Amino acid sequence: MFWKFDLHSSSHIETLLERADLTLRELLDEDDVLQECKVVNRRLLDFLVQPQHMEALVTCVTEEPPAELDERLRYK
């Protein structure tokens, strides 16, 4: 019944997606990014599939972070 009427609470990600100056890093810092992807948040997915964001995501996965970065940031 709860899902039938689409009464789910809005996440902080929805608020972030309203901003024109949102960066990929800010979005990835949110705890519920994966959950929002799993529930097919269309606005989030549209943001993530933009070419510049896809390129940055692939770079994050395939390249080692710089050694001079703080460990907290390197292995986030």
PDB file of N, CA and C in Angstrom:
ATOM      1  N   MET A   1       0.818  -1.188   0.000  1.00  0.00           N
ATOM      2  CA  MET A   1       0.000   0.000   0.000  1.00  0.00           C
ATOM      3  C   MET A   1       0.869   1.262   0.000  1.00  0.00           C
ATOM      4  N   PHE A   2       1.928   1.265   0.802  1.00  0.00           N
ATOM      5  CA  PHE A   2       2.806   2.423   0.902  1.00  0.00           C
ATOM      6  C   PHE A   2       3.386   2.784  -0.468  1.00  0.00           C
ATOM      7  N   TRP A   3       3.889   1.787  -1.190  1.00  0.00           N
ATOM      8  CA  TRP A   3       4.505   2.040  -2.487  1.00  0.00           C
ATOM      9  C   TRP A   3       3.464   2.318  -3.565  1.00  0.00           C
ATOM     10  N   LYS A   4       2.283   1.803  -3.382  1.00  0.00           N
ATOM     11  CA  LYS A   4       1.245   1.972  -4.385  1.00  0.00           C
ATOM     12  C   LYS A   4       0.925   3.450  -4.619  1.00  0.00           C
ATOM     13  N   PHE A   5       0.969   4.231  -3.588  1.00  0.00           N
ATOM     14  CA  PHE A   5       0.622   5.644  -3.701  1.00  0.00           C
ATOM     15  C   PHE A   5       1.839   6.546  -3.850  1.00  0.00           C
ATOM     16  N   ASP A   6       3.012   5.934  -4.020  1.00  0.00           N
ATOM     17  CA  ASP A   6       4.245   6.691  -4.251  1.00  0.00           C
ATOM     18  C   ASP A   6       4.476   7.734  -3.156  1.00  0.00           C
ATOM     19  N   LEU A   7       4.363   7.311  -1.918  1.00  0.00           N
ATOM     20  CA  LEU A   7       4.533   8.218  -0.786  1.00  0.00           C
ATOM     21  C   LEU A   7       5.923   8.128  -0.162  1.00  0.00           C
ATOM     22  N   HIS A   8       6.887   7.621  -0.906  1.00  0.00           N
ATOM     23  CA  HIS A   8       8.222   7.496  -0.342  1.00  0.00           C
ATOM     24  C   HIS A   8       8.806   8.881  -0.066  1.00  0.00           C
ATOM     25  N   SER A   9       9.648   8.940   0.935  1.00  0.00           N
ATOM     26  CA  SER A   9      10.226  10.226   1.314  1.00  0.00           C
ATOM     27  C   SER A   9      11.300  10.626   0.305  1.00  0.00           C
ATOM     28  N   SER A  10      11.421  11.898   0.081  1.00  0.00           N
ATOM     29  CA  SER A  10      12.433  12.361  -0.858  1.00  0.00           C
ATOM     30  C   SER A  10      13.793  12.329  -0.174  1.00  0.00           C
ATOM     31  N   SER A  11      14.791  11.969  -0.908  1.00  0.00           N
ATOM     32  CA  SER A  11      16.129  11.867  -0.353  1.00  0.00           C
ATOM     33  C   SER A  11      16.863  13.194  -0.508  1.00  0.00           C
ATOM     34  N   HIS A  12      17.988  13.253   0.149  1.00  0.00           N
ATOM     35  CA  HIS A  12      18.836  14.434   0.032  1.00  0.00           C
ATOM     36  C   HIS A  12      19.371  14.546  -1.395  1.00  0.00           C
ATOM     37  N   ILE A  13      19.456  13.438  -2.083  1.00  0.00           N
ATOM     38  CA  ILE A  13      19.937  13.440  -3.464  1.00  0.00           C
ATOM     39  C   ILE A  13      19.013  14.266  -4.353  1.00  0.00           C
ATOM     40  N   GLU A  14      17.720  14.165  -4.134  1.00  0.00           N
ATOM     41  CA  GLU A  14      16.777  14.970  -4.920  1.00  0.00           C
ATOM     42  C   GLU A  14      17.047  16.458  -4.729  1.00  0.00           C
ATOM     43  N   THR A  15      17.344  16.839  -3.507  1.00  0.00           N
ATOM     44  CA  THR A  15      17.664  18.240  -3.223  1.00  0.00           C
ATOM     45  C   THR A  15      18.944  18.649  -3.939  1.00  0.00           C
ATOM     46  N   LEU A  16      19.940  17.777  -3.917  1.00  0.00           N
ATOM     47  CA  LEU A  16      21.195  18.075  -4.604  1.00  0.00           C
ATOM     48  C   LEU A  16      20.996  18.204  -6.107  1.00  0.00           C
ATOM     49  N   LEU A  17      20.174  17.344  -6.665  1.00  0.00           N
ATOM     50  CA  LEU A  17      19.957  17.361  -8.112  1.00  0.00           C
ATOM     51  C   LEU A  17      19.253  18.632  -8.581  1.00  0.00           C
ATOM     52  N   GLU A  18      18.654  19.366  -7.669  1.00  0.00           N
ATOM     53  CA  GLU A  18      18.027  20.648  -8.004  1.00  0.00           C
ATOM     54  C   GLU A  18      19.081  21.716  -8.307  1.00  0.00           C
ATOM     55  N   ARG A  19      20.265  21.538  -7.746  1.00  0.00           N
ATOM     56  CA  ARG A  19      21.322  22.539  -7.896  1.00  0.00           C
ATOM     57  C   ARG A  19      21.961  22.469  -9.277  1.00  0.00           C
ATOM     58  N   ALA A  20      22.211  23.622  -9.862  1.00  0.00           N
ATOM     59  CA  ALA A  20      22.852  23.682 -11.177  1.00  0.00           C
ATOM     60  C   ALA A  20      24.354  23.437 -11.081  1.00  0.00           C
ATOM     61  N   ASP A  21      24.939  23.706  -9.904  1.00  0.00           N
ATOM     62  CA  ASP A  21      26.389  23.584  -9.749  1.00  0.00           C
ATOM     63  C   ASP A  21      26.809  22.288  -9.050  1.00  0.00           C
ATOM     64  N   LEU A  22      25.969  21.286  -9.070  1.00  0.00           N
ATOM     65  CA  LEU A  22      26.266  20.011  -8.423  1.00  0.00           C
ATOM     66  C   LEU A  22      27.446  19.332  -9.103  1.00  0.00           C
ATOM     67  N   THR A  23      28.383  18.848  -8.298  1.00  0.00           N
ATOM     68  CA  THR A  23      29.520  18.112  -8.848  1.00  0.00           C
ATOM     69  C   THR A  23      29.330  16.623  -8.597  1.00  0.00           C
ATOM     70  N   LEU A  24      30.008  15.836  -9.383  1.00  0.00           N
ATOM     71  CA  LEU A  24      29.947  14.389  -9.230  1.00  0.00           C
ATOM     72  C   LEU A  24      30.482  13.984  -7.860  1.00  0.00           C
ATOM     73  N   ARG A  25      31.526  14.630  -7.405  1.00  0.00           N
ATOM     74  CA  ARG A  25      32.125  14.312  -6.101  1.00  0.00           C
ATOM     75  C   ARG A  25      31.113  14.528  -4.976  1.00  0.00           C
ATOM     76  N   GLU A  26      30.389  15.632  -5.021  1.00  0.00           N
ATOM     77  CA  GLU A  26      29.370  15.899  -3.999  1.00  0.00           C
ATOM     78  C   GLU A  26      28.302  14.815  -3.995  1.00  0.00           C
ATOM     79  N   LEU A  27      27.905  14.412  -5.168  1.00  0.00           N
ATOM     80  CA  LEU A  27      26.879  13.386  -5.285  1.00  0.00           C
ATOM     81  C   LEU A  27      27.376  12.047  -4.756  1.00  0.00           C
ATOM     82  N   LEU A  28      28.607  11.695  -5.084  1.00  0.00           N
ATOM     83  CA  LEU A  28      29.159  10.416  -4.638  1.00  0.00           C
ATOM     84  C   LEU A  28      29.430  10.391  -3.137  1.00  0.00           C
ATOM     85  N   ASP A  29      29.520  11.551  -2.520  1.00  0.00           N
ATOM     86  CA  ASP A  29      29.714  11.615  -1.068  1.00  0.00           C
ATOM     87  C   ASP A  29      28.448  11.253  -0.293  1.00  0.00           C
ATOM     88  N   GLU A  30      27.322  11.218  -0.963  1.00  0.00           N
ATOM     89  CA  GLU A  30      26.056  10.873  -0.304  1.00  0.00           C
ATOM     90  C   GLU A  30      25.980   9.374  -0.028  1.00  0.00           C
ATOM     91  N   ASP A  31      25.459   9.021   1.142  1.00  0.00           N
ATOM     92  CA  ASP A  31      25.381   7.619   1.547  1.00  0.00           C
ATOM     93  C   ASP A  31      24.385   6.802   0.735  1.00  0.00           C
ATOM     94  N   ASP A  32      23.344   7.433   0.249  1.00  0.00           N
ATOM     95  CA  ASP A  32      22.284   6.667  -0.403  1.00  0.00           C
ATOM     96  C   ASP A  32      22.321   6.694  -1.932  1.00  0.00           C
ATOM     97  N   VAL A  33      23.482   6.985  -2.513  1.00  0.00           N
ATOM     98  CA  VAL A  33      23.593   7.018  -3.972  1.00  0.00           C
ATOM     99  C   VAL A  33      23.297   5.646  -4.576  1.00  0.00           C
ATOM    100  N   LEU A  34      23.890   4.600  -4.033  1.00  0.00           N
ATOM    101  CA  LEU A  34      23.662   3.258  -4.581  1.00  0.00           C
ATOM    102  C   LEU A  34      22.207   2.843  -4.455  1.00  0.00           C
ATOM    103  N   GLN A  35      21.614   3.126  -3.319  1.00  0.00           N
ATOM    104  CA  GLN A  35      20.211   2.774  -3.128  1.00  0.00           C
ATOM    105  C   GLN A  35      19.326   3.505  -4.134  1.00  0.00           C
ATOM    106  N   GLU A  36      19.611   4.757  -4.367  1.00  0.00           N
ATOM    107  CA  GLU A  36      18.826   5.532  -5.332  1.00  0.00           C
ATOM    108  C   GLU A  36      19.011   5.000  -6.754  1.00  0.00           C
ATOM    109  N   CYS A  37      20.194   4.514  -7.059  1.00  0.00           N
ATOM    110  CA  CYS A  37      20.409   3.882  -8.374  1.00  0.00           C
ATOM    111  C   CYS A  37      19.613   2.587  -8.477  1.00  0.00           C
ATOM    112  N   LYS A  38      19.593   1.819  -7.404  1.00  0.00           N
ATOM    113  CA  LYS A  38      18.866   0.543  -7.406  1.00  0.00           C
ATOM    114  C   LYS A  38      17.367   0.725  -7.589  1.00  0.00           C
ATOM    115  N   VAL A  39      16.828   1.818  -7.069  1.00  0.00           N
ATOM    116  CA  VAL A  39      15.389   2.062  -7.225  1.00  0.00           C
ATOM    117  C   VAL A  39      15.092   2.876  -8.489  1.00  0.00           C
ATOM    118  N   VAL A  40      16.101   3.009  -9.331  1.00  0.00           N
ATOM    119  CA  VAL A  40      15.995   3.667 -10.637  1.00  0.00           C
ATOM    120  C   VAL A  40      15.490   5.111 -10.506  1.00  0.00           C
ATOM    121  N   ASN A  41      16.228   5.884  -9.740  1.00  0.00           N
ATOM    122  CA  ASN A  41      15.953   7.317  -9.643  1.00  0.00           C
ATOM    123  C   ASN A  41      16.355   7.934 -10.985  1.00  0.00           C
ATOM    124  N   ARG A  42      15.386   8.251 -11.797  1.00  0.00           N
ATOM    125  CA  ARG A  42      15.624   8.697 -13.172  1.00  0.00           C
ATOM    126  C   ARG A  42      16.480   9.954 -13.230  1.00  0.00           C
ATOM    127  N   ARG A  43      16.240  10.905 -12.364  1.00  0.00           N
ATOM    128  CA  ARG A  43      17.026  12.153 -12.378  1.00  0.00           C
ATOM    129  C   ARG A  43      18.483  11.880 -12.040  1.00  0.00           C
ATOM    130  N   LEU A  44      18.706  10.999 -11.083  1.00  0.00           N
ATOM    131  CA  LEU A  44      20.072  10.637 -10.715  1.00  0.00           C
ATOM    132  C   LEU A  44      20.761   9.924 -11.874  1.00  0.00           C
ATOM    133  N   LEU A  45      20.086   8.970 -12.467  1.00  0.00           N
ATOM    134  CA  LEU A  45      20.677   8.233 -13.585  1.00  0.00           C
ATOM    135  C   LEU A  45      20.950   9.143 -14.778  1.00  0.00           C
ATOM    136  N   ASP A  46      20.060  10.076 -15.040  1.00  0.00           N
ATOM    137  CA  ASP A  46      20.291  11.032 -16.128  1.00  0.00           C
ATOM    138  C   ASP A  46      21.534  11.876 -15.862  1.00  0.00           C
ATOM    139  N   PHE A  47      21.750  12.227 -14.606  1.00  0.00           N
ATOM    140  CA  PHE A  47      22.943  12.989 -14.233  1.00  0.00           C
ATOM    141  C   PHE A  47      24.196  12.138 -14.427  1.00  0.00           C
ATOM    142  N   LEU A  48      24.145  10.896 -13.971  1.00  0.00           N
ATOM    143  CA  LEU A  48      25.323  10.031 -14.012  1.00  0.00           C
ATOM    144  C   LEU A  48      25.727   9.618 -15.425  1.00  0.00           C
ATOM    145  N   VAL A  49      24.786   9.518 -16.341  1.00  0.00           N
ATOM    146  CA  VAL A  49      25.128   9.058 -17.692  1.00  0.00           C
ATOM    147  C   VAL A  49      25.573  10.183 -18.626  1.00  0.00           C
ATOM    148  N   GLN A  50      25.660  11.382 -18.128  1.00  0.00           N
ATOM    149  CA  GLN A  50      26.211  12.458 -18.950  1.00  0.00           C
ATOM    150  C   GLN A  50      27.667  12.110 -19.254  1.00  0.00           C
ATOM    151  N   PRO A  51      28.121  12.360 -20.481  1.00  0.00           N
ATOM    152  CA  PRO A  51      29.464  11.923 -20.893  1.00  0.00           C
ATOM    153  C   PRO A  51      30.593  12.329 -19.947  1.00  0.00           C
ATOM    154  N   GLN A  52      30.580  13.555 -19.453  1.00  0.00           N
ATOM    155  CA  GLN A  52      31.666  13.990 -18.567  1.00  0.00           C
ATOM    156  C   GLN A  52      31.643  13.235 -17.240  1.00  0.00           C
ATOM    157  N   HIS A  53      30.451  12.874 -16.762  1.00  0.00           N
ATOM    158  CA  HIS A  53      30.358  12.135 -15.508  1.00  0.00           C
ATOM    159  C   HIS A  53      30.723  10.668 -15.710  1.00  0.00           C
ATOM    160  N   MET A  54      30.328  10.094 -16.838  1.00  0.00           N
ATOM    161  CA  MET A  54      30.709   8.711 -17.133  1.00  0.00           C
ATOM    162  C   MET A  54      32.225   8.593 -17.233  1.00  0.00           C
ATOM    163  N   GLU A  55      32.847   9.554 -17.887  1.00  0.00           N
ATOM    164  CA  GLU A  55      34.303   9.551 -18.020  1.00  0.00           C
ATOM    165  C   GLU A  55      34.971   9.643 -16.648  1.00  0.00           C
ATOM    166  N   ALA A  56      34.463  10.507 -15.792  1.00  0.00           N
ATOM    167  CA  ALA A  56      35.027  10.655 -14.447  1.00  0.00           C
ATOM    168  C   ALA A  56      34.833   9.381 -13.626  1.00  0.00           C
ATOM    169  N   LEU A  57      33.695   8.721 -13.764  1.00  0.00           N
ATOM    170  CA  LEU A  57      33.448   7.474 -13.038  1.00  0.00           C
ATOM    171  C   LEU A  57      34.401   6.373 -13.492  1.00  0.00           C
ATOM    172  N   VAL A  58      34.610   6.264 -14.789  1.00  0.00           N
ATOM    173  CA  VAL A  58      35.543   5.258 -15.311  1.00  0.00           C
ATOM    174  C   VAL A  58      36.955   5.559 -14.828  1.00  0.00           C
ATOM    175  N   THR A  59      37.334   6.824 -14.817  1.00  0.00           N
ATOM    176  CA  THR A  59      38.652   7.216 -14.326  1.00  0.00           C
ATOM    177  C   THR A  59      38.816   6.854 -12.854  1.00  0.00           C
ATOM    178  N   CYS A  60      37.789   7.080 -12.056  1.00  0.00           N
ATOM    179  CA  CYS A  60      37.843   6.733 -10.625  1.00  0.00           C
ATOM    180  C   CYS A  60      38.086   5.241 -10.420  1.00  0.00           C
ATOM    181  N   VAL A  61      37.512   4.444 -11.278  1.00  0.00           N
ATOM    182  CA  VAL A  61      37.601   2.994 -11.127  1.00  0.00           C
ATOM    183  C   VAL A  61      38.914   2.448 -11.673  1.00  0.00           C
ATOM    184  N   THR A  62      39.459   3.062 -12.705  1.00  0.00           N
ATOM    185  CA  THR A  62      40.598   2.474 -13.406  1.00  0.00           C
ATOM    186  C   THR A  62      41.953   3.070 -13.052  1.00  0.00           C
ATOM    187  N   GLU A  63      41.994   4.219 -12.399  1.00  0.00           N
ATOM    188  CA  GLU A  63      43.273   4.855 -12.086  1.00  0.00           C
ATOM    189  C   GLU A  63      43.486   4.932 -10.581  1.00  0.00           C
ATOM    190  N   GLU A  64      44.746   4.772 -10.188  1.00  0.00           N
ATOM    191  CA  GLU A  64      45.113   4.916  -8.779  1.00  0.00           C
ATOM    192  C   GLU A  64      45.040   6.390  -8.390  1.00  0.00           C
ATOM    193  N   PRO A  65      44.550   6.677  -7.191  1.00  0.00           N
ATOM    194  CA  PRO A  65      44.542   8.076  -6.738  1.00  0.00           C
ATOM    195  C   PRO A  65      45.971   8.535  -6.446  1.00  0.00           C
ATOM    196  N   PRO A  66      46.232   9.824  -6.545  1.00  0.00           N
ATOM    197  CA  PRO A  66      47.577  10.341  -6.256  1.00  0.00           C
ATOM    198  C   PRO A  66      48.015   9.999  -4.832  1.00  0.00           C
ATOM    199  N   ALA A  67      49.281   9.660  -4.669  1.00  0.00           N
ATOM    200  CA  ALA A  67      49.819   9.252  -3.370  1.00  0.00           C
ATOM    201  C   ALA A  67      49.792  10.390  -2.354  1.00  0.00           C
ATOM    202  N   GLU A  68      49.845  11.627  -2.817  1.00  0.00           N
ATOM    203  CA  GLU A  68      49.878  12.760  -1.885  1.00  0.00           C
ATOM    204  C   GLU A  68      48.521  13.080  -1.269  1.00  0.00           C
ATOM    205  N   LEU A  69      47.469  12.463  -1.765  1.00  0.00           N
ATOM    206  CA  LEU A  69      46.145  12.667  -1.170  1.00  0.00           C
ATOM    207  C   LEU A  69      46.063  12.018   0.203  1.00  0.00           C
ATOM    208  N   ASP A  70      45.272  12.612   1.068  1.00  0.00           N
ATOM    209  CA  ASP A  70      45.016  12.035   2.375  1.00  0.00           C
ATOM    210  C   ASP A  70      44.397  10.646   2.199  1.00  0.00           C
ATOM    211  N   GLU A  71      44.790   9.700   3.056  1.00  0.00           N
ATOM    212  CA  GLU A  71      44.294   8.324   2.936  1.00  0.00           C
ATOM    213  C   GLU A  71      42.779   8.237   2.989  1.00  0.00           C
ATOM    214  N   ARG A  72      42.174   9.097   3.779  1.00  0.00           N
ATOM    215  CA  ARG A  72      40.715   9.124   3.885  1.00  0.00           C
ATOM    216  C   ARG A  72      40.067   9.372   2.526  1.00  0.00           C
ATOM    217  N   LEU A  73      40.665  10.246   1.741  1.00  0.00           N
ATOM    218  CA  LEU A  73      40.130  10.568   0.417  1.00  0.00           C
ATOM    219  C   LEU A  73      40.544   9.545  -0.639  1.00  0.00           C
ATOM    220  N   ARG A  74      41.735   8.993  -0.497  1.00  0.00           N
ATOM    221  CA  ARG A  74      42.233   8.037  -1.490  1.00  0.00           C
ATOM    222  C   ARG A  74      41.388   6.780  -1.562  1.00  0.00           C
ATOM    223  N   TYR A  75      40.934   6.307  -0.430  1.00  0.00           N
ATOM    224  CA  TYR A  75      40.238   5.020  -0.388  1.00  0.00           C
ATOM    225  C   TYR A  75      38.768   5.160  -0.054  1.00  0.00           C
ATOM    226  N   LYS A  76      38.205   6.268  -0.372  1.00  0.00           N
ATOM    227  CA  LYS A  76      36.790   6.509  -0.096  1.00  0.00           C
ATOM    228  C   LYS A  76      35.927   5.664  -0.999  1.00  0.00           C
TER     229      LYS A  76
END
